[in-house]
Amino acid sequence: MKLPRTAEDIVREVQIASNKSGDLYLRQLIFLLQHVSHELIVEAIIRLFEQNHSGENAFRIQEFSGRILEEIKPISEKTIHDILKRTLGNWNKSIEQLPFWLISNYGVQATNAALNDDCFSSEEDKVKAMRWWLQKA
């Protein structure tokens, strides 16, 4: 495994880790990601949540993405609204690391405020789940 240089490199490595039942592979990736820009990591994680994966691997991809957020705690300049717009539709409600990362990066109030946007009305069940996780923080 080489040091990822692009968001697509990170996406590919997470997908490989999820296919290999790769806890060790994921830990190695997380170690390498400590030397990668936070914005690059965040973009890759957003892409992984944004993609509509199918089958049993879909949960693992999001779980591994969440573990990266949890371990690295990347800081992003992206707006919370843009992140939610890209991730909420395909987000698995069991992946608590995404809402917890949003809280650590943007705060509870900003996250709640962003969830009030009308553009998320079609994702009402996801918004409710996200708010439930926010209460647990």
N, C-alpha and C. Protein backbone atom coordinates (compact mmCIF):
# COMPACT_ATOMS: atom_id res chain seq x y z
N MET A 1 0.85 -1.17 0.00
CA MET A 1 0.00 0.00 0.00
C MET A 1 0.90 1.24 0.00
N LYS A 2 0.57 2.18 -0.88
CA LYS A 2 1.33 3.42 -0.99
C LYS A 2 0.56 4.54 -0.31
N LEU A 3 1.24 5.62 -0.01
CA LEU A 3 0.61 6.81 0.55
C LEU A 3 -0.39 7.35 -0.47
N PRO A 4 -1.66 7.43 -0.11
CA PRO A 4 -2.66 7.96 -1.05
C PRO A 4 -2.38 9.42 -1.40
N ARG A 5 -2.49 9.74 -2.67
CA ARG A 5 -2.20 11.10 -3.13
C ARG A 5 -3.47 11.85 -3.58
N THR A 6 -4.53 11.09 -3.84
CA THR A 6 -5.79 11.70 -4.30
C THR A 6 -6.95 11.11 -3.48
N ALA A 7 -8.07 11.78 -3.56
CA ALA A 7 -9.27 11.27 -2.89
C ALA A 7 -9.64 9.91 -3.48
N GLU A 8 -9.46 9.76 -4.77
CA GLU A 8 -9.79 8.49 -5.42
C GLU A 8 -8.89 7.36 -4.92
N ASP A 9 -7.64 7.67 -4.62
CA ASP A 9 -6.73 6.67 -4.03
C ASP A 9 -7.28 6.17 -2.69
N ILE A 10 -7.76 7.10 -1.88
CA ILE A 10 -8.30 6.73 -0.57
C ILE A 10 -9.56 5.91 -0.74
N VAL A 11 -10.44 6.32 -1.64
CA VAL A 11 -11.68 5.58 -1.91
C VAL A 11 -11.33 4.15 -2.29
N ARG A 12 -10.39 4.00 -3.19
CA ARG A 12 -9.99 2.67 -3.66
C ARG A 12 -9.43 1.82 -2.50
N GLU A 13 -8.62 2.41 -1.64
CA GLU A 13 -8.03 1.67 -0.52
C GLU A 13 -9.09 1.25 0.49
N VAL A 14 -10.07 2.09 0.74
CA VAL A 14 -11.16 1.71 1.66
C VAL A 14 -11.97 0.57 1.05
N GLN A 15 -12.23 0.64 -0.24
CA GLN A 15 -12.96 -0.44 -0.90
C GLN A 15 -12.17 -1.75 -0.85
N ILE A 16 -10.87 -1.69 -1.03
CA ILE A 16 -10.03 -2.88 -0.92
C ILE A 16 -10.10 -3.44 0.49
N ALA A 17 -9.97 -2.57 1.48
CA ALA A 17 -10.03 -3.01 2.88
C ALA A 17 -11.36 -3.69 3.18
N SER A 18 -12.44 -3.15 2.67
CA SER A 18 -13.76 -3.73 2.96
C SER A 18 -13.95 -5.08 2.27
N ASN A 19 -13.28 -5.28 1.15
CA ASN A 19 -13.38 -6.55 0.44
C ASN A 19 -12.51 -7.64 1.07
N LYS A 20 -11.47 -7.25 1.75
CA LYS A 20 -10.52 -8.21 2.30
C LYS A 20 -10.83 -8.57 3.74
N SER A 21 -12.04 -8.21 4.22
CA SER A 21 -12.32 -8.29 5.65
C SER A 21 -11.10 -7.76 6.39
N GLY A 22 -10.68 -6.58 5.95
CA GLY A 22 -9.37 -6.06 6.25
C GLY A 22 -9.25 -5.12 7.42
N ASP A 23 -9.42 -5.61 8.63
CA ASP A 23 -9.19 -4.76 9.78
C ASP A 23 -7.72 -4.32 9.83
N LEU A 24 -6.81 -5.25 9.60
CA LEU A 24 -5.39 -4.91 9.59
C LEU A 24 -5.09 -3.95 8.44
N TYR A 25 -5.64 -4.21 7.29
CA TYR A 25 -5.45 -3.34 6.13
C TYR A 25 -5.96 -1.94 6.44
N LEU A 26 -7.13 -1.85 7.08
CA LEU A 26 -7.70 -0.56 7.44
C LEU A 26 -6.79 0.17 8.43
N ARG A 27 -6.29 -0.54 9.42
CA ARG A 27 -5.39 0.10 10.40
C ARG A 27 -4.13 0.63 9.73
N GLN A 28 -3.62 -0.11 8.75
CA GLN A 28 -2.45 0.37 8.00
C GLN A 28 -2.80 1.62 7.20
N LEU A 29 -3.99 1.62 6.60
CA LEU A 29 -4.44 2.78 5.85
C LEU A 29 -4.58 3.99 6.77
N ILE A 30 -5.18 3.79 7.92
CA ILE A 30 -5.35 4.89 8.88
C ILE A 30 -3.98 5.46 9.29
N PHE A 31 -3.00 4.59 9.48
CA PHE A 31 -1.65 5.04 9.81
C PHE A 31 -1.11 5.93 8.68
N LEU A 32 -1.28 5.50 7.44
CA LEU A 32 -0.79 6.29 6.30
C LEU A 32 -1.56 7.62 6.18
N LEU A 33 -2.85 7.58 6.47
CA LEU A 33 -3.67 8.79 6.32
C LEU A 33 -3.29 9.89 7.29
N GLN A 34 -2.56 9.56 8.32
CA GLN A 34 -2.09 10.59 9.25
C GLN A 34 -1.10 11.54 8.57
N HIS A 35 -0.63 11.16 7.38
CA HIS A 35 0.32 11.98 6.63
C HIS A 35 -0.31 12.59 5.38
N VAL A 36 -1.64 12.60 5.34
CA VAL A 36 -2.39 13.10 4.19
C VAL A 36 -3.22 14.30 4.64
N SER A 37 -3.44 15.24 3.73
CA SER A 37 -4.22 16.43 4.08
C SER A 37 -5.63 16.06 4.53
N HIS A 38 -6.12 16.78 5.52
CA HIS A 38 -7.46 16.51 6.04
C HIS A 38 -8.53 16.72 4.98
N GLU A 39 -8.37 17.73 4.16
CA GLU A 39 -9.38 17.99 3.13
C GLU A 39 -9.46 16.84 2.13
N LEU A 40 -8.34 16.23 1.83
CA LEU A 40 -8.31 15.08 0.93
C LEU A 40 -9.04 13.90 1.55
N ILE A 41 -8.81 13.68 2.83
CA ILE A 41 -9.49 12.59 3.55
C ILE A 41 -10.99 12.83 3.58
N VAL A 42 -11.39 14.05 3.92
CA VAL A 42 -12.82 14.37 4.01
C VAL A 42 -13.49 14.19 2.65
N GLU A 43 -12.85 14.65 1.59
CA GLU A 43 -13.44 14.48 0.26
C GLU A 43 -13.62 13.00 -0.07
N ALA A 44 -12.64 12.18 0.25
CA ALA A 44 -12.75 10.74 -0.02
C ALA A 44 -13.87 10.11 0.79
N ILE A 45 -13.96 10.47 2.06
CA ILE A 45 -15.01 9.91 2.92
C ILE A 45 -16.39 10.33 2.42
N ILE A 46 -16.52 11.58 2.02
CA ILE A 46 -17.79 12.05 1.46
C ILE A 46 -18.15 11.22 0.23
N ARG A 47 -17.17 11.00 -0.64
CA ARG A 47 -17.43 10.20 -1.85
C ARG A 47 -17.87 8.79 -1.48
N LEU A 48 -17.28 8.22 -0.45
CA LEU A 48 -17.65 6.86 -0.05
C LEU A 48 -19.07 6.81 0.49
N PHE A 49 -19.48 7.83 1.24
CA PHE A 49 -20.85 7.88 1.73
C PHE A 49 -21.82 8.25 0.60
N GLU A 50 -21.35 9.00 -0.33
CA GLU A 50 -22.17 9.47 -1.45
C GLU A 50 -22.52 8.33 -2.41
N GLN A 51 -21.60 7.41 -2.60
CA GLN A 51 -21.82 6.32 -3.53
C GLN A 51 -22.89 5.37 -3.02
N ASN A 52 -23.68 4.88 -3.95
CA ASN A 52 -24.75 3.95 -3.60
C ASN A 52 -24.23 2.53 -3.77
N HIS A 53 -23.56 2.03 -2.75
CA HIS A 53 -23.01 0.67 -2.79
C HIS A 53 -24.16 -0.31 -2.55
N SER A 54 -24.02 -1.48 -3.13
CA SER A 54 -25.05 -2.50 -2.92
C SER A 54 -24.42 -3.74 -2.31
N GLY A 55 -25.26 -4.58 -1.76
CA GLY A 55 -24.79 -5.84 -1.20
C GLY A 55 -24.26 -5.69 0.21
N GLU A 56 -23.68 -6.79 0.68
CA GLU A 56 -23.21 -6.84 2.06
C GLU A 56 -22.02 -5.93 2.30
N ASN A 57 -21.31 -5.57 1.25
CA ASN A 57 -20.13 -4.74 1.40
C ASN A 57 -20.47 -3.27 1.65
N ALA A 58 -21.68 -2.85 1.33
CA ALA A 58 -22.08 -1.46 1.47
C ALA A 58 -21.92 -0.98 2.91
N PHE A 59 -22.36 -1.79 3.86
CA PHE A 59 -22.25 -1.39 5.26
C PHE A 59 -20.78 -1.29 5.67
N ARG A 60 -19.97 -2.26 5.25
CA ARG A 60 -18.55 -2.28 5.63
C ARG A 60 -17.81 -1.05 5.11
N ILE A 61 -18.13 -0.63 3.90
CA ILE A 61 -17.49 0.55 3.33
C ILE A 61 -17.79 1.77 4.19
N GLN A 62 -19.05 1.94 4.57
CA GLN A 62 -19.40 3.08 5.42
C GLN A 62 -18.83 2.92 6.83
N GLU A 63 -18.82 1.72 7.35
CA GLU A 63 -18.25 1.49 8.68
C GLU A 63 -16.76 1.82 8.69
N PHE A 64 -16.05 1.38 7.67
CA PHE A 64 -14.62 1.68 7.58
C PHE A 64 -14.40 3.18 7.39
N SER A 65 -15.25 3.82 6.60
CA SER A 65 -15.15 5.27 6.42
C SER A 65 -15.37 5.99 7.74
N GLY A 66 -16.35 5.51 8.50
CA GLY A 66 -16.62 6.09 9.82
C GLY A 66 -15.45 5.90 10.77
N ARG A 67 -14.81 4.76 10.71
CA ARG A 67 -13.65 4.51 11.57
C ARG A 67 -12.50 5.44 11.23
N ILE A 68 -12.35 5.77 9.97
CA ILE A 68 -11.33 6.74 9.57
C ILE A 68 -11.66 8.11 10.17
N LEU A 69 -12.93 8.52 10.08
CA LEU A 69 -13.33 9.80 10.68
C LEU A 69 -13.05 9.80 12.18
N GLU A 70 -13.36 8.70 12.83
CA GLU A 70 -13.20 8.58 14.27
C GLU A 70 -11.72 8.62 14.68
N GLU A 71 -10.87 7.97 13.92
CA GLU A 71 -9.45 7.89 14.27
C GLU A 71 -8.67 9.15 13.89
N ILE A 72 -8.89 9.64 12.69
CA ILE A 72 -8.11 10.78 12.18
C ILE A 72 -8.69 12.11 12.68
N LYS A 73 -10.01 12.17 12.82
CA LYS A 73 -10.70 13.42 13.20
C LYS A 73 -10.28 14.58 12.28
N PRO A 74 -10.47 14.39 10.97
CA PRO A 74 -10.04 15.44 10.04
C PRO A 74 -10.86 16.71 10.21
N ILE A 75 -10.21 17.82 10.03
CA ILE A 75 -10.87 19.12 10.11
C ILE A 75 -11.10 19.59 8.68
N SER A 76 -12.30 20.09 8.42
CA SER A 76 -12.64 20.47 7.05
C SER A 76 -13.18 21.89 6.98
N GLU A 77 -12.89 22.54 5.87
CA GLU A 77 -13.44 23.86 5.57
C GLU A 77 -14.72 23.76 4.75
N LYS A 78 -15.08 22.56 4.34
CA LYS A 78 -16.32 22.38 3.58
C LYS A 78 -17.49 22.78 4.47
N THR A 79 -18.56 23.25 3.85
CA THR A 79 -19.73 23.62 4.65
C THR A 79 -20.48 22.37 5.07
N ILE A 80 -21.06 22.44 6.24
CA ILE A 80 -21.84 21.30 6.74
C ILE A 80 -23.01 21.00 5.81
N HIS A 81 -23.59 22.04 5.24
CA HIS A 81 -24.71 21.87 4.33
C HIS A 81 -24.29 21.03 3.12
N ASP A 82 -23.14 21.35 2.54
CA ASP A 82 -22.66 20.59 1.38
C ASP A 82 -22.37 19.14 1.74
N ILE A 83 -21.79 18.92 2.91
CA ILE A 83 -21.48 17.55 3.33
C ILE A 83 -22.77 16.76 3.52
N LEU A 84 -23.75 17.35 4.19
CA LEU A 84 -25.02 16.66 4.38
C LEU A 84 -25.72 16.40 3.05
N LYS A 85 -25.67 17.37 2.18
CA LYS A 85 -26.33 17.22 0.87
C LYS A 85 -25.75 16.03 0.10
N ARG A 86 -24.45 15.82 0.23
CA ARG A 86 -23.80 14.74 -0.51
C ARG A 86 -23.90 13.39 0.20
N THR A 87 -24.03 13.36 1.51
CA THR A 87 -23.94 12.09 2.24
C THR A 87 -25.26 11.57 2.78
N LEU A 88 -26.18 12.43 3.09
CA LEU A 88 -27.38 12.02 3.83
C LEU A 88 -28.21 10.97 3.09
N GLY A 89 -28.32 11.09 1.79
CA GLY A 89 -29.17 10.18 1.02
C GLY A 89 -28.76 8.71 1.10
N ASN A 90 -27.47 8.44 1.13
CA ASN A 90 -26.99 7.05 1.16
C ASN A 90 -26.42 6.64 2.51
N TRP A 91 -26.40 7.54 3.46
CA TRP A 91 -25.85 7.26 4.78
C TRP A 91 -26.64 6.14 5.47
N ASN A 92 -25.94 5.14 5.96
CA ASN A 92 -26.55 4.08 6.75
C ASN A 92 -26.73 4.61 8.17
N LYS A 93 -27.95 4.62 8.65
CA LYS A 93 -28.27 5.23 9.95
C LYS A 93 -27.56 4.57 11.12
N SER A 94 -26.95 3.41 10.91
CA SER A 94 -26.21 2.73 11.97
C SER A 94 -24.78 3.24 12.11
N ILE A 95 -24.33 4.02 11.18
CA ILE A 95 -22.95 4.53 11.20
C ILE A 95 -22.91 5.83 12.00
N GLU A 96 -22.67 5.68 13.30
CA GLU A 96 -22.72 6.83 14.20
C GLU A 96 -21.53 7.76 14.06
N GLN A 97 -20.46 7.29 13.46
CA GLN A 97 -19.26 8.13 13.37
C GLN A 97 -19.48 9.38 12.54
N LEU A 98 -20.32 9.31 11.51
CA LEU A 98 -20.57 10.50 10.69
C LEU A 98 -21.21 11.62 11.50
N PRO A 99 -22.32 11.39 12.19
CA PRO A 99 -22.88 12.50 12.98
C PRO A 99 -21.94 12.96 14.09
N PHE A 100 -21.21 12.04 14.71
CA PHE A 100 -20.28 12.45 15.76
C PHE A 100 -19.14 13.30 15.19
N TRP A 101 -18.69 12.96 13.99
CA TRP A 101 -17.65 13.77 13.35
C TRP A 101 -18.20 15.14 13.00
N LEU A 102 -19.43 15.20 12.50
CA LEU A 102 -20.04 16.50 12.19
C LEU A 102 -20.10 17.38 13.43
N ILE A 103 -20.44 16.78 14.56
CA ILE A 103 -20.49 17.53 15.82
C ILE A 103 -19.11 18.04 16.19
N SER A 104 -18.10 17.18 16.08
CA SER A 104 -16.76 17.61 16.49
C SER A 104 -16.20 18.68 15.55
N ASN A 105 -16.60 18.65 14.29
CA ASN A 105 -16.07 19.61 13.33
C ASN A 105 -16.89 20.90 13.27
N TYR A 106 -18.20 20.82 13.47
CA TYR A 106 -19.07 21.98 13.29
C TYR A 106 -19.86 22.37 14.54
N GLY A 107 -19.99 21.46 15.49
CA GLY A 107 -20.76 21.74 16.69
C GLY A 107 -22.20 21.24 16.55
N VAL A 108 -22.83 21.01 17.69
CA VAL A 108 -24.21 20.48 17.71
C VAL A 108 -25.18 21.48 17.10
N GLN A 109 -25.06 22.75 17.50
CA GLN A 109 -26.02 23.75 17.03
C GLN A 109 -25.97 23.92 15.51
N ALA A 110 -24.77 24.00 14.96
CA ALA A 110 -24.63 24.17 13.51
C ALA A 110 -25.16 22.94 12.77
N THR A 111 -24.91 21.76 13.33
CA THR A 111 -25.38 20.53 12.69
C THR A 111 -26.90 20.48 12.71
N ASN A 112 -27.50 20.77 13.86
CA ASN A 112 -28.96 20.81 13.95
C ASN A 112 -29.55 21.85 13.01
N ALA A 113 -28.93 23.01 12.97
CA ALA A 113 -29.43 24.08 12.10
C ALA A 113 -29.39 23.64 10.63
N ALA A 114 -28.33 23.00 10.23
CA ALA A 114 -28.21 22.55 8.84
C ALA A 114 -29.27 21.51 8.51
N LEU A 115 -29.60 20.66 9.47
CA LEU A 115 -30.61 19.63 9.24
C LEU A 115 -32.01 20.21 9.06
N ASN A 116 -32.22 21.47 9.45
CA ASN A 116 -33.51 22.12 9.29
C ASN A 116 -33.77 22.60 7.87
N ASP A 117 -32.78 22.53 7.01
CA ASP A 117 -32.92 23.02 5.64
C ASP A 117 -33.99 22.22 4.90
N ASP A 118 -34.82 22.92 4.15
CA ASP A 118 -35.92 22.28 3.41
C ASP A 118 -35.43 21.28 2.37
N CYS A 119 -34.21 21.42 1.90
CA CYS A 119 -33.73 20.50 0.85
C CYS A 119 -33.58 19.08 1.39
N PHE A 120 -33.61 18.90 2.72
CA PHE A 120 -33.50 17.57 3.30
C PHE A 120 -34.86 16.97 3.66
N SER A 121 -35.94 17.62 3.27
CA SER A 121 -37.27 17.13 3.63
C SER A 121 -37.56 15.75 3.02
N SER A 122 -36.97 15.43 1.89
CA SER A 122 -37.19 14.11 1.29
C SER A 122 -36.44 13.02 2.04
N GLU A 123 -35.54 13.40 2.92
CA GLU A 123 -34.74 12.45 3.71
C GLU A 123 -35.16 12.50 5.18
N GLU A 124 -36.45 12.65 5.42
CA GLU A 124 -36.95 12.85 6.78
C GLU A 124 -36.50 11.77 7.76
N ASP A 125 -36.51 10.51 7.34
CA ASP A 125 -36.08 9.44 8.25
C ASP A 125 -34.59 9.55 8.58
N LYS A 126 -33.78 9.96 7.61
CA LYS A 126 -32.34 10.14 7.86
C LYS A 126 -32.10 11.34 8.77
N VAL A 127 -32.85 12.40 8.57
CA VAL A 127 -32.72 13.59 9.43
C VAL A 127 -33.08 13.23 10.87
N LYS A 128 -34.15 12.46 11.05
CA LYS A 128 -34.53 12.03 12.40
C LYS A 128 -33.44 11.18 13.04
N ALA A 129 -32.88 10.27 12.27
CA ALA A 129 -31.81 9.42 12.78
C ALA A 129 -30.57 10.25 13.13
N MET A 130 -30.24 11.21 12.29
CA MET A 130 -29.09 12.07 12.56
C MET A 130 -29.32 12.86 13.85
N ARG A 131 -30.53 13.37 14.03
CA ARG A 131 -30.84 14.11 15.26
C ARG A 131 -30.77 13.19 16.49
N TRP A 132 -31.19 11.96 16.32
CA TRP A 132 -31.12 11.00 17.42
C TRP A 132 -29.67 10.81 17.84
N TRP A 133 -28.77 10.64 16.86
CA TRP A 133 -27.35 10.49 17.18
C TRP A 133 -26.80 11.76 17.82
N LEU A 134 -27.28 12.91 17.39
CA LEU A 134 -26.81 14.17 17.97
C LEU A 134 -27.15 14.26 19.45
N GLN A 135 -28.29 13.70 19.83
CA GLN A 135 -28.67 13.70 21.25
C GLN A 135 -27.76 12.81 22.08
N LYS A 136 -27.14 11.82 21.44
CA LYS A 136 -26.27 10.89 22.15
C LYS A 136 -24.88 11.47 22.40
N ALA A 137 -24.58 12.55 21.71
CA ALA A 137 -23.22 13.14 21.82
C ALA A 137 -23.03 13.89 23.13
